[in-house]
Each structure stands twice: as structure tokens, then as C-alpha cells.
Amino acid sequence: MLTTIALSVIMMAGLFLMLWGAVGFVQNQRFFTSAPKEIQDALQPKHERFRGQHLMGWIMLIMSLTLMGGALIFGGYDGIRHGFHYWQFFVRFTAMLLLLKAFDILFFDWYLLCRSGFFTRYYPETKALCGPHLFGYNRKSHTVQIAIMILGSMLLAWICTVI
């Protein structure tokens, strides 16, 4: 169980690195398709604040995907090594992904978007639009993502049991 929690924390760090790289450094509007429509409309094109900013952001995105993918791979490898059966794999992957989703909802949506000013630090033109009223704007997409995570956990558990 401690391994599962540690791997979940690694995935959370990867997700934060992904958000920070996309919002703070790459600053490409295609990364904001999940943002509320009024925020998407208010975004202004950004220019590099310093040389290599976009490259740094892409490196952060690659590192984040490596952390998150590596945590899933290690979770499977560790389970195989310890002789997990299907349900143990399923519980591990489901716990990892649902903890990641809880982090997304509570830390990203509730704190970063609605309370902290993180987003408005990089996009000051959205200051009047961000706030506590945005929390829960994407309930439907979160619900779909949770269903996909459970199905993905089933698939990963099956793959790990046949290896």
C-alpha cells in the first residue's frame, strides 16, 4: 500500500509539472481547451519572457509524462515481482488514478484556479474571470475521466496478469 501511495504522489508531482510547464512556459492556447469558455476567449497570445522559455516548458512536459508513465510501469513491475493477482493490480491502479484525479480536483481546480491566483500570474487578463465561482465547472468531464480511469485500471490489471 505504501508503494501505491508513493507512486500516486510521484504521479501528482508529474501532473503539477505538466500544468506548470503548459501554463507558465509553453503558453500555447491549445493546452487550455478544458478551461471555461470565457477564460479561453480572454487569453491573449504570449511571447517568450526569456530565451528558451518554450523549450523549458516542453522539457517540463516530457519530464512530467516520464514521471507519470514511469510510476504506472513501476507499479505494474512491482506487482508482477510480488505475485499480484488481477484484483490486487486493479486496486493498485485504480487507487493511483483516483488519487491523481482527487489531486486534480482539489489542488488544481479548487486551489490553483479558484483561490491562489496561479493562473492569473501568467495570464493577468483573466483576473476578473477567475474565482471561487469556477469550482465545479467541469464536473461532467471529471466524471467521464473517472470512468475512463476505472476502465484503464481494468486493462492495465489484465495486461499485468498476462505478462
C-alpha atoms as a PDB file:
ATOM      1  CA  MET A   1       0.000   0.000   0.000  1.00  0.00           C
ATOM      2  CA  LEU A   2       2.864   2.390   0.760  1.00  0.00           C
ATOM      3  CA  THR A   3       4.259   1.764  -2.709  1.00  0.00           C
ATOM      4  CA  THR A   4       0.893   2.629  -4.232  1.00  0.00           C
ATOM      5  CA  ILE A   5       0.687   5.873  -2.251  1.00  0.00           C
ATOM      6  CA  ALA A   6       4.291   6.801  -3.113  1.00  0.00           C
ATOM      7  CA  LEU A   7       3.627   6.148  -6.807  1.00  0.00           C
ATOM      8  CA  SER A   8       0.469   8.266  -6.577  1.00  0.00           C
ATOM      9  CA  VAL A   9       2.489  11.147  -5.121  1.00  0.00           C
ATOM     10  CA  ILE A  10       5.005  10.801  -7.965  1.00  0.00           C
ATOM     11  CA  MET A  11       2.130  10.988 -10.451  1.00  0.00           C
ATOM     12  CA  MET A  12       0.781  14.086  -8.666  1.00  0.00           C
ATOM     13  CA  ALA A  13       4.201  15.733  -8.947  1.00  0.00           C
ATOM     14  CA  GLY A  14       4.223  14.852 -12.640  1.00  0.00           C
ATOM     15  CA  LEU A  15       0.761  16.332 -13.139  1.00  0.00           C
ATOM     16  CA  PHE A  16       1.785  19.558 -11.403  1.00  0.00           C
ATOM     17  CA  LEU A  17       4.938  19.750 -13.517  1.00  0.00           C
ATOM     18  CA  MET A  18       2.757  19.278 -16.599  1.00  0.00           C
ATOM     19  CA  LEU A  19       0.406  22.095 -15.609  1.00  0.00           C
ATOM     20  CA  TRP A  20       3.242  24.450 -14.709  1.00  0.00           C
ATOM     21  CA  GLY A  21       5.106  23.691 -17.939  1.00  0.00           C
ATOM     22  CA  ALA A  22       1.990  24.218 -20.076  1.00  0.00           C
ATOM     23  CA  VAL A  23       0.606  27.305 -18.311  1.00  0.00           C
ATOM     24  CA  GLY A  24       3.811  29.037 -17.277  1.00  0.00           C
ATOM     25  CA  PHE A  25       6.260  28.222 -20.034  1.00  0.00           C
ATOM     26  CA  VAL A  26       4.798  26.756 -23.240  1.00  0.00           C
ATOM     27  CA  GLN A  27       1.753  29.065 -23.068  1.00  0.00           C
ATOM     28  CA  ASN A  28       0.032  27.646 -26.117  1.00  0.00           C
ATOM     29  CA  GLN A  29      -3.733  28.159 -26.218  1.00  0.00           C
ATOM     30  CA  ARG A  30      -4.365  24.583 -27.384  1.00  0.00           C
ATOM     31  CA  PHE A  31      -3.498  23.473 -23.832  1.00  0.00           C
ATOM     32  CA  PHE A  32      -6.479  25.418 -22.456  1.00  0.00           C
ATOM     33  CA  THR A  33      -9.300  23.591 -24.186  1.00  0.00           C
ATOM     34  CA  SER A  34     -10.559  22.312 -20.819  1.00  0.00           C
ATOM     35  CA  ALA A  35     -10.680  25.823 -19.334  1.00  0.00           C
ATOM     36  CA  PRO A  36     -14.027  27.640 -19.097  1.00  0.00           C
ATOM     37  CA  LYS A  37     -15.086  29.263 -22.377  1.00  0.00           C
ATOM     38  CA  GLU A  38     -14.904  32.824 -21.003  1.00  0.00           C
ATOM     39  CA  ILE A  39     -11.278  32.262 -19.948  1.00  0.00           C
ATOM     40  CA  GLN A  40     -10.385  30.787 -23.340  1.00  0.00           C
ATOM     41  CA  ASP A  41     -11.878  33.859 -25.017  1.00  0.00           C
ATOM     42  CA  ALA A  42      -9.920  36.255 -22.778  1.00  0.00           C
ATOM     43  CA  LEU A  43      -6.495  34.665 -23.312  1.00  0.00           C
ATOM     44  CA  GLN A  44      -4.016  36.813 -25.174  1.00  0.00           C
ATOM     45  CA  PRO A  45      -1.169  35.356 -27.270  1.00  0.00           C
ATOM     46  CA  LYS A  46       2.053  35.296 -25.242  1.00  0.00           C
ATOM     47  CA  HIS A  47       5.627  35.954 -26.288  1.00  0.00           C
ATOM     48  CA  GLU A  48       8.688  34.433 -24.677  1.00  0.00           C
ATOM     49  CA  ARG A  49       9.610  36.291 -21.481  1.00  0.00           C
ATOM     50  CA  PHE A  50      13.130  34.905 -21.744  1.00  0.00           C
ATOM     51  CA  ARG A  51      15.115  32.984 -24.313  1.00  0.00           C
ATOM     52  CA  GLY A  52      14.372  29.269 -24.147  1.00  0.00           C
ATOM     53  CA  GLN A  53      11.100  29.644 -22.221  1.00  0.00           C
ATOM     54  CA  HIS A  54       9.090  27.439 -24.567  1.00  0.00           C
ATOM     55  CA  LEU A  55      11.873  24.838 -24.730  1.00  0.00           C
ATOM     56  CA  MET A  56      11.947  24.741 -20.939  1.00  0.00           C
ATOM     57  CA  GLY A  57       8.185  24.188 -20.903  1.00  0.00           C
ATOM     58  CA  TRP A  58       8.399  21.311 -23.372  1.00  0.00           C
ATOM     59  CA  ILE A  59      11.169  19.726 -21.307  1.00  0.00           C
ATOM     60  CA  MET A  60       8.926  20.024 -18.240  1.00  0.00           C
ATOM     61  CA  LEU A  61       6.078  18.359 -20.158  1.00  0.00           C
ATOM     62  CA  ILE A  62       8.313  15.473 -21.240  1.00  0.00           C
ATOM     63  CA  MET A  63       9.610  15.062 -17.686  1.00  0.00           C
ATOM     64  CA  SER A  64       6.055  15.031 -16.347  1.00  0.00           C
ATOM     65  CA  LEU A  65       4.951  12.333 -18.784  1.00  0.00           C
ATOM     66  CA  THR A  66       8.043  10.317 -17.878  1.00  0.00           C
ATOM     67  CA  LEU A  67       7.243  10.587 -14.164  1.00  0.00           C
ATOM     68  CA  MET A  68       3.623   9.606 -14.625  1.00  0.00           C
ATOM     69  CA  GLY A  69       4.276   6.794 -17.092  1.00  0.00           C
ATOM     70  CA  GLY A  70       7.202   5.542 -15.028  1.00  0.00           C
ATOM     71  CA  ALA A  71       5.025   5.379 -11.917  1.00  0.00           C
ATOM     72  CA  LEU A  72       2.461   3.241 -13.756  1.00  0.00           C
ATOM     73  CA  ILE A  73       5.150   0.985 -15.220  1.00  0.00           C
ATOM     74  CA  PHE A  74       6.874   0.580 -11.866  1.00  0.00           C
ATOM     75  CA  GLY A  75       3.520  -0.145 -10.226  1.00  0.00           C
ATOM     76  CA  GLY A  76       2.987  -2.979 -12.684  1.00  0.00           C
ATOM     77  CA  TYR A  77       6.561  -4.258 -12.399  1.00  0.00           C
ATOM     78  CA  ASP A  78       6.427  -4.233  -8.605  1.00  0.00           C
ATOM     79  CA  GLY A  79       3.129  -6.118  -8.634  1.00  0.00           C
ATOM     80  CA  ILE A  80       4.467  -8.743 -11.020  1.00  0.00           C
ATOM     81  CA  ARG A  81       7.543  -9.133  -8.827  1.00  0.00           C
ATOM     82  CA  HIS A  82       5.361  -9.632  -5.752  1.00  0.00           C
ATOM     83  CA  GLY A  83       2.967 -12.051  -7.471  1.00  0.00           C
ATOM     84  CA  PHE A  84      -0.124  -9.833  -7.554  1.00  0.00           C
ATOM     85  CA  HIS A  85      -3.297 -11.288  -8.981  1.00  0.00           C
ATOM     86  CA  TYR A  86      -5.798  -9.357 -11.108  1.00  0.00           C
ATOM     87  CA  TRP A  87      -7.714  -7.707  -8.241  1.00  0.00           C
ATOM     88  CA  GLN A  88      -4.557  -6.516  -6.499  1.00  0.00           C
ATOM     89  CA  PHE A  89      -3.383  -4.869  -9.722  1.00  0.00           C
ATOM     90  CA  PHE A  90      -6.835  -3.405 -10.281  1.00  0.00           C
ATOM     91  CA  VAL A  91      -6.949  -1.913  -6.777  1.00  0.00           C
ATOM     92  CA  ARG A  92      -3.419  -0.510  -7.133  1.00  0.00           C
ATOM     93  CA  PHE A  93      -4.033   1.168 -10.485  1.00  0.00           C
ATOM     94  CA  THR A  94      -7.490   2.394  -9.512  1.00  0.00           C
ATOM     95  CA  ALA A  95      -6.152   3.883  -6.277  1.00  0.00           C
ATOM     96  CA  MET A  96      -3.274   5.573  -8.109  1.00  0.00           C
ATOM     97  CA  LEU A  97      -5.506   7.085 -10.775  1.00  0.00           C
ATOM     98  CA  LEU A  98      -8.326   8.119  -8.442  1.00  0.00           C
ATOM     99  CA  LEU A  99      -5.850   9.761  -6.043  1.00  0.00           C
ATOM    100  CA  LEU A 100      -4.456  11.605  -9.065  1.00  0.00           C
ATOM    101  CA  LYS A 101      -7.985  12.729 -10.013  1.00  0.00           C
ATOM    102  CA  ALA A 102      -8.668  13.873  -6.432  1.00  0.00           C
ATOM    103  CA  PHE A 103      -5.436  15.896  -6.582  1.00  0.00           C
ATOM    104  CA  ASP A 104      -6.577  17.396  -9.878  1.00  0.00           C
ATOM    105  CA  ILE A 105      -9.968  18.410  -8.487  1.00  0.00           C
ATOM    106  CA  LEU A 106      -8.850  19.651  -5.077  1.00  0.00           C
ATOM    107  CA  PHE A 107      -5.467  21.165  -5.838  1.00  0.00           C
ATOM    108  CA  PHE A 108      -5.782  22.321  -9.443  1.00  0.00           C
ATOM    109  CA  ASP A 109      -9.427  23.256  -9.671  1.00  0.00           C
ATOM    110  CA  TRP A 110     -10.274  24.316  -6.137  1.00  0.00           C
ATOM    111  CA  TYR A 111      -6.963  25.857  -5.071  1.00  0.00           C
ATOM    112  CA  LEU A 112      -4.920  26.891  -8.117  1.00  0.00           C
ATOM    113  CA  LEU A 113      -7.755  28.002 -10.388  1.00  0.00           C
ATOM    114  CA  CYS A 114     -10.241  29.340  -7.847  1.00  0.00           C
ATOM    115  CA  ARG A 115      -8.201  30.584  -4.890  1.00  0.00           C
ATOM    116  CA  SER A 116      -4.454  31.095  -5.393  1.00  0.00           C
ATOM    117  CA  GLY A 117      -4.012  33.336  -8.410  1.00  0.00           C
ATOM    118  CA  PHE A 118      -1.610  30.847 -10.041  1.00  0.00           C
ATOM    119  CA  PHE A 119      -3.330  31.069 -13.406  1.00  0.00           C
ATOM    120  CA  THR A 120      -3.694  34.859 -13.293  1.00  0.00           C
ATOM    121  CA  ARG A 121       0.048  35.177 -12.549  1.00  0.00           C
ATOM    122  CA  TYR A 122       0.729  34.039 -16.109  1.00  0.00           C
ATOM    123  CA  TYR A 123      -2.497  35.389 -17.652  1.00  0.00           C
ATOM    124  CA  PRO A 124      -3.371  38.642 -15.870  1.00  0.00           C
ATOM    125  CA  GLU A 125      -6.109  39.350 -18.424  1.00  0.00           C
ATOM    126  CA  THR A 126      -8.183  36.595 -16.752  1.00  0.00           C
ATOM    127  CA  LYS A 127      -8.027  38.077 -13.229  1.00  0.00           C
ATOM    128  CA  ALA A 128     -11.657  39.261 -13.246  1.00  0.00           C
ATOM    129  CA  LEU A 129     -12.825  35.868 -14.554  1.00  0.00           C
ATOM    130  CA  CYS A 130     -11.080  33.523 -12.106  1.00  0.00           C
ATOM    131  CA  GLY A 131     -12.501  32.888  -8.675  1.00  0.00           C
ATOM    132  CA  PRO A 132     -14.415  30.501  -6.435  1.00  0.00           C
ATOM    133  CA  HIS A 133     -17.425  30.561  -8.762  1.00  0.00           C
ATOM    134  CA  LEU A 134     -15.469  28.420 -11.257  1.00  0.00           C
ATOM    135  CA  PHE A 135     -15.174  25.417  -8.967  1.00  0.00           C
ATOM    136  CA  GLY A 136     -17.094  22.519 -10.459  1.00  0.00           C
ATOM    137  CA  TYR A 137     -17.445  23.993 -13.949  1.00  0.00           C
ATOM    138  CA  ASN A 138     -16.080  20.736 -15.402  1.00  0.00           C
ATOM    139  CA  ARG A 139     -17.973  18.113 -13.375  1.00  0.00           C
ATOM    140  CA  LYS A 140     -19.078  16.276 -16.489  1.00  0.00           C
ATOM    141  CA  SER A 141     -15.548  15.870 -17.854  1.00  0.00           C
ATOM    142  CA  HIS A 142     -14.276  14.744 -14.437  1.00  0.00           C
ATOM    143  CA  THR A 143     -16.996  12.091 -14.314  1.00  0.00           C
ATOM    144  CA  VAL A 144     -16.060  10.824 -17.774  1.00  0.00           C
ATOM    145  CA  GLN A 145     -12.359  10.812 -16.838  1.00  0.00           C
ATOM    146  CA  ILE A 146     -13.085   8.783 -13.685  1.00  0.00           C
ATOM    147  CA  ALA A 147     -14.972   6.192 -15.740  1.00  0.00           C
ATOM    148  CA  ILE A 148     -12.076   6.029 -18.219  1.00  0.00           C
ATOM    149  CA  MET A 149      -9.603   5.649 -15.331  1.00  0.00           C
ATOM    150  CA  ILE A 150     -11.533   2.686 -13.949  1.00  0.00           C
ATOM    151  CA  LEU A 151     -11.652   1.046 -17.380  1.00  0.00           C
ATOM    152  CA  GLY A 152      -7.949   1.810 -17.843  1.00  0.00           C
ATOM    153  CA  SER A 153      -7.208   0.215 -14.474  1.00  0.00           C
ATOM    154  CA  MET A 154      -9.046  -2.898 -15.588  1.00  0.00           C
ATOM    155  CA  LEU A 155      -6.999  -3.028 -18.787  1.00  0.00           C
ATOM    156  CA  LEU A 156      -3.681  -2.406 -17.006  1.00  0.00           C
ATOM    157  CA  ALA A 157      -4.507  -5.073 -14.407  1.00  0.00           C
ATOM    158  CA  TRP A 158      -5.301  -7.568 -17.166  1.00  0.00           C
ATOM    159  CA  ILE A 159      -2.085  -6.736 -19.057  1.00  0.00           C
ATOM    160  CA  CYS A 160      -0.026  -7.196 -15.881  1.00  0.00           C
ATOM    161  CA  THR A 161      -1.628 -10.556 -15.122  1.00  0.00           C
ATOM    162  CA  VAL A 162      -0.920 -11.992 -18.580  1.00  0.00           C
ATOM    163  CA  ILE A 163       2.715 -10.880 -18.598  1.00  0.00           C
END
